[in-house]
Amino acid sequence: MDSGYRIITAEAHLRETVPMEDGEVRSRRVFALDGLSLVLISLGRGAVMRDHTARAPILIRGVTGRSVVIIGDERIDLAVGGMVQLDAGVRHALEAIGPSQVLLTVLGSSRAQGGAAASDTVAPPVQAR
């Protein structure tokens, strides 16, 4: 019987789900339904997600630590609880300022439009500084 709601997980559990390791970016989709996906991204000290785009609009929310969202020449400090919204196709990068985690919300799947799945927008090539 469907109760009409889901408990995804407590934020403290999210932090333990994808450990942070120096120089590495790791991600795991923690929820997906009807084109909406939540992806936890862990960035170890010195980790960078190089310049990339998402195929759907996204929200990036700081969960732990501090990171920087880079859009063109602009550097946006993303502290815990901070949030940045980007339209589909906007080039951006993500850089860890010490170990940090962000929760990526993909707001629609390009699969519904005949393209790749929303989870395909995650994990471009990673580099350590």
C-alpha atoms as a PDB file:
ATOM      1  CA  MET A   1       0.000   0.000   0.000  1.00  0.00           C
ATOM      2  CA  ASP A   2       1.388   3.411  -1.005  1.00  0.00           C
ATOM      3  CA  SER A   3       1.550   5.786   1.957  1.00  0.00           C
ATOM      4  CA  GLY A   4       1.909   8.896  -0.223  1.00  0.00           C
ATOM      5  CA  TYR A   5       5.367   9.826   1.067  1.00  0.00           C
ATOM      6  CA  ARG A   6       8.949   8.547   1.201  1.00  0.00           C
ATOM      7  CA  ILE A   7      11.697   8.986   3.731  1.00  0.00           C
ATOM      8  CA  ILE A   8      14.817   9.281   1.597  1.00  0.00           C
ATOM      9  CA  THR A   9      17.367   9.573   4.398  1.00  0.00           C
ATOM     10  CA  ALA A  10      18.504  11.881   7.148  1.00  0.00           C
ATOM     11  CA  GLU A  11      21.117  14.458   6.120  1.00  0.00           C
ATOM     12  CA  ALA A  12      23.613  12.958   8.591  1.00  0.00           C
ATOM     13  CA  HIS A  13      23.274   9.603   6.795  1.00  0.00           C
ATOM     14  CA  LEU A  14      23.800  11.312   3.421  1.00  0.00           C
ATOM     15  CA  ARG A  15      27.171  12.585   4.641  1.00  0.00           C
ATOM     16  CA  GLU A  16      28.259   8.999   5.392  1.00  0.00           C
ATOM     17  CA  THR A  17      26.900   7.559   2.126  1.00  0.00           C
ATOM     18  CA  VAL A  18      29.668   8.858  -0.144  1.00  0.00           C
ATOM     19  CA  PRO A  19      32.954   9.363   1.741  1.00  0.00           C
ATOM     20  CA  MET A  20      35.278  12.250   0.900  1.00  0.00           C
ATOM     21  CA  GLU A  21      38.830  11.356  -0.165  1.00  0.00           C
ATOM     22  CA  ASP A  22      41.559  13.861  -0.991  1.00  0.00           C
ATOM     23  CA  GLY A  23      41.636  14.799  -4.664  1.00  0.00           C
ATOM     24  CA  GLU A  24      38.597  12.708  -5.581  1.00  0.00           C
ATOM     25  CA  VAL A  25      35.023  13.393  -6.628  1.00  0.00           C
ATOM     26  CA  ARG A  26      32.497  10.671  -5.921  1.00  0.00           C
ATOM     27  CA  SER A  27      28.777  10.680  -6.536  1.00  0.00           C
ATOM     28  CA  ARG A  28      25.748   8.537  -5.883  1.00  0.00           C
ATOM     29  CA  ARG A  29      22.166   9.036  -6.926  1.00  0.00           C
ATOM     30  CA  VAL A  30      20.095   8.861  -3.739  1.00  0.00           C
ATOM     31  CA  PHE A  31      16.643   9.394  -5.250  1.00  0.00           C
ATOM     32  CA  ALA A  32      14.955   9.418  -8.646  1.00  0.00           C
ATOM     33  CA  LEU A  33      11.300   9.747  -9.596  1.00  0.00           C
ATOM     34  CA  ASP A  34       9.513  11.082 -12.678  1.00  0.00           C
ATOM     35  CA  GLY A  35      12.528  12.898 -14.111  1.00  0.00           C
ATOM     36  CA  LEU A  36      13.718  14.373 -10.794  1.00  0.00           C
ATOM     37  CA  SER A  37      17.020  13.070  -9.396  1.00  0.00           C
ATOM     38  CA  LEU A  38      18.965  13.805  -6.224  1.00  0.00           C
ATOM     39  CA  VAL A  39      22.682  13.091  -6.443  1.00  0.00           C
ATOM     40  CA  LEU A  40      25.088  13.394  -3.517  1.00  0.00           C
ATOM     41  CA  ILE A  41      28.527  14.562  -4.665  1.00  0.00           C
ATOM     42  CA  SER A  42      31.538  14.269  -2.325  1.00  0.00           C
ATOM     43  CA  LEU A  43      34.609  16.339  -3.090  1.00  0.00           C
ATOM     44  CA  GLY A  44      37.832  15.526  -1.290  1.00  0.00           C
ATOM     45  CA  ARG A  45      40.353  18.235  -0.479  1.00  0.00           C
ATOM     46  CA  GLY A  46      41.680  19.667  -3.762  1.00  0.00           C
ATOM     47  CA  ALA A  47      39.062  17.969  -5.950  1.00  0.00           C
ATOM     48  CA  VAL A  48      37.641  19.739  -8.992  1.00  0.00           C
ATOM     49  CA  MET A  49      34.779  18.827 -11.315  1.00  0.00           C
ATOM     50  CA  ARG A  50      36.014  20.383 -14.542  1.00  0.00           C
ATOM     51  CA  ASP A  51      33.939  22.649 -16.743  1.00  0.00           C
ATOM     52  CA  HIS A  52      30.786  20.844 -17.920  1.00  0.00           C
ATOM     53  CA  THR A  53      27.082  21.352 -18.603  1.00  0.00           C
ATOM     54  CA  ALA A  54      23.911  19.647 -17.414  1.00  0.00           C
ATOM     55  CA  ARG A  55      21.240  18.541 -19.869  1.00  0.00           C
ATOM     56  CA  ALA A  56      18.465  19.676 -17.522  1.00  0.00           C
ATOM     57  CA  PRO A  57      18.062  22.555 -15.037  1.00  0.00           C
ATOM     58  CA  ILE A  58      19.840  21.857 -11.728  1.00  0.00           C
ATOM     59  CA  LEU A  59      20.090  23.047  -8.134  1.00  0.00           C
ATOM     60  CA  ILE A  60      23.374  22.645  -6.235  1.00  0.00           C
ATOM     61  CA  ARG A  61      23.094  22.823  -2.425  1.00  0.00           C
ATOM     62  CA  GLY A  62      25.984  22.817   0.039  1.00  0.00           C
ATOM     63  CA  VAL A  63      25.669  19.927   2.525  1.00  0.00           C
ATOM     64  CA  THR A  64      29.048  19.909   4.315  1.00  0.00           C
ATOM     65  CA  GLY A  65      32.240  21.938   4.128  1.00  0.00           C
ATOM     66  CA  ARG A  66      32.622  24.642   1.527  1.00  0.00           C
ATOM     67  CA  SER A  67      32.932  24.574  -2.237  1.00  0.00           C
ATOM     68  CA  VAL A  68      32.915  27.047  -5.102  1.00  0.00           C
ATOM     69  CA  VAL A  69      30.664  26.935  -8.155  1.00  0.00           C
ATOM     70  CA  ILE A  70      32.464  28.523 -11.100  1.00  0.00           C
ATOM     71  CA  ILE A  71      30.363  29.997 -13.910  1.00  0.00           C
ATOM     72  CA  GLY A  72      32.508  31.791 -16.488  1.00  0.00           C
ATOM     73  CA  ASP A  73      34.620  34.292 -14.534  1.00  0.00           C
ATOM     74  CA  GLU A  74      32.279  34.256 -11.528  1.00  0.00           C
ATOM     75  CA  ARG A  75      33.135  32.247  -8.412  1.00  0.00           C
ATOM     76  CA  ILE A  76      30.167  31.575  -6.131  1.00  0.00           C
ATOM     77  CA  ASP A  77      30.976  30.488  -2.578  1.00  0.00           C
ATOM     78  CA  LEU A  78      28.725  27.573  -1.623  1.00  0.00           C
ATOM     79  CA  ALA A  79      28.612  27.169   2.151  1.00  0.00           C
ATOM     80  CA  VAL A  80      26.416  24.675   4.008  1.00  0.00           C
ATOM     81  CA  GLY A  81      22.788  25.400   3.134  1.00  0.00           C
ATOM     82  CA  GLY A  82      23.718  27.683   0.228  1.00  0.00           C
ATOM     83  CA  MET A  83      22.084  26.956  -3.098  1.00  0.00           C
ATOM     84  CA  VAL A  84      22.763  27.824  -6.749  1.00  0.00           C
ATOM     85  CA  GLN A  85      20.330  27.173  -9.617  1.00  0.00           C
ATOM     86  CA  LEU A  86      21.563  26.725 -13.190  1.00  0.00           C
ATOM     87  CA  ASP A  87      19.579  26.384 -16.382  1.00  0.00           C
ATOM     88  CA  ALA A  88      20.244  23.468 -18.711  1.00  0.00           C
ATOM     89  CA  GLY A  89      23.347  23.969 -20.826  1.00  0.00           C
ATOM     90  CA  VAL A  90      25.083  26.513 -18.543  1.00  0.00           C
ATOM     91  CA  ARG A  91      28.825  25.722 -18.391  1.00  0.00           C
ATOM     92  CA  HIS A  92      30.078  25.432 -14.832  1.00  0.00           C
ATOM     93  CA  ALA A  93      32.684  23.771 -12.629  1.00  0.00           C
ATOM     94  CA  LEU A  94      32.798  22.823  -8.962  1.00  0.00           C
ATOM     95  CA  GLU A  95      35.865  23.133  -6.735  1.00  0.00           C
ATOM     96  CA  ALA A  96      36.316  21.906  -3.161  1.00  0.00           C
ATOM     97  CA  ILE A  97      37.601  24.332  -0.543  1.00  0.00           C
ATOM     98  CA  GLY A  98      38.569  21.532   1.801  1.00  0.00           C
ATOM     99  CA  PRO A  99      36.466  18.362   1.961  1.00  0.00           C
ATOM    100  CA  SER A 100      32.844  19.088   1.079  1.00  0.00           C
ATOM    101  CA  GLN A 101      29.619  17.585  -0.160  1.00  0.00           C
ATOM    102  CA  VAL A 102      26.847  19.002  -2.303  1.00  0.00           C
ATOM    103  CA  LEU A 103      23.408  17.712  -3.138  1.00  0.00           C
ATOM    104  CA  LEU A 104      22.614  18.027  -6.824  1.00  0.00           C
ATOM    105  CA  THR A 105      18.946  18.176  -7.771  1.00  0.00           C
ATOM    106  CA  VAL A 106      18.343  17.496 -11.457  1.00  0.00           C
ATOM    107  CA  LEU A 107      15.027  19.162 -12.306  1.00  0.00           C
ATOM    108  CA  GLY A 108      13.853  17.090 -15.200  1.00  0.00           C
ATOM    109  CA  SER A 109      15.181  14.314 -17.323  1.00  0.00           C
ATOM    110  CA  SER A 110      16.229  14.713 -20.902  1.00  0.00           C
ATOM    111  CA  ARG A 111      15.215  11.034 -21.275  1.00  0.00           C
ATOM    112  CA  ALA A 112      11.608  12.259 -21.392  1.00  0.00           C
ATOM    113  CA  GLN A 113      12.716  14.392 -24.359  1.00  0.00           C
ATOM    114  CA  GLY A 114      14.457  11.486 -26.081  1.00  0.00           C
ATOM    115  CA  GLY A 115      17.950  12.120 -24.697  1.00  0.00           C
ATOM    116  CA  ALA A 116      20.112  10.568 -22.003  1.00  0.00           C
ATOM    117  CA  ALA A 117      19.021  10.019 -18.423  1.00  0.00           C
ATOM    118  CA  ALA A 118      19.346  12.804 -15.863  1.00  0.00           C
ATOM    119  CA  SER A 119      21.983  10.761 -14.051  1.00  0.00           C
ATOM    120  CA  ASP A 120      24.182  11.087 -17.153  1.00  0.00           C
ATOM    121  CA  THR A 121      24.696  14.766 -16.303  1.00  0.00           C
ATOM    122  CA  VAL A 122      26.845  13.846 -13.303  1.00  0.00           C
ATOM    123  CA  ALA A 123      30.535  13.033 -12.987  1.00  0.00           C
ATOM    124  CA  PRO A 124      32.504  14.726 -15.725  1.00  0.00           C
ATOM    125  CA  PRO A 125      36.241  13.995 -15.702  1.00  0.00           C
ATOM    126  CA  VAL A 126      37.768  14.883 -12.343  1.00  0.00           C
ATOM    127  CA  GLN A 127      41.134  16.355 -11.506  1.00  0.00           C
ATOM    128  CA  ALA A 128      43.025  17.028  -8.295  1.00  0.00           C
ATOM    129  CA  ARG A 129      44.809  20.320  -7.883  1.00  0.00           C
END
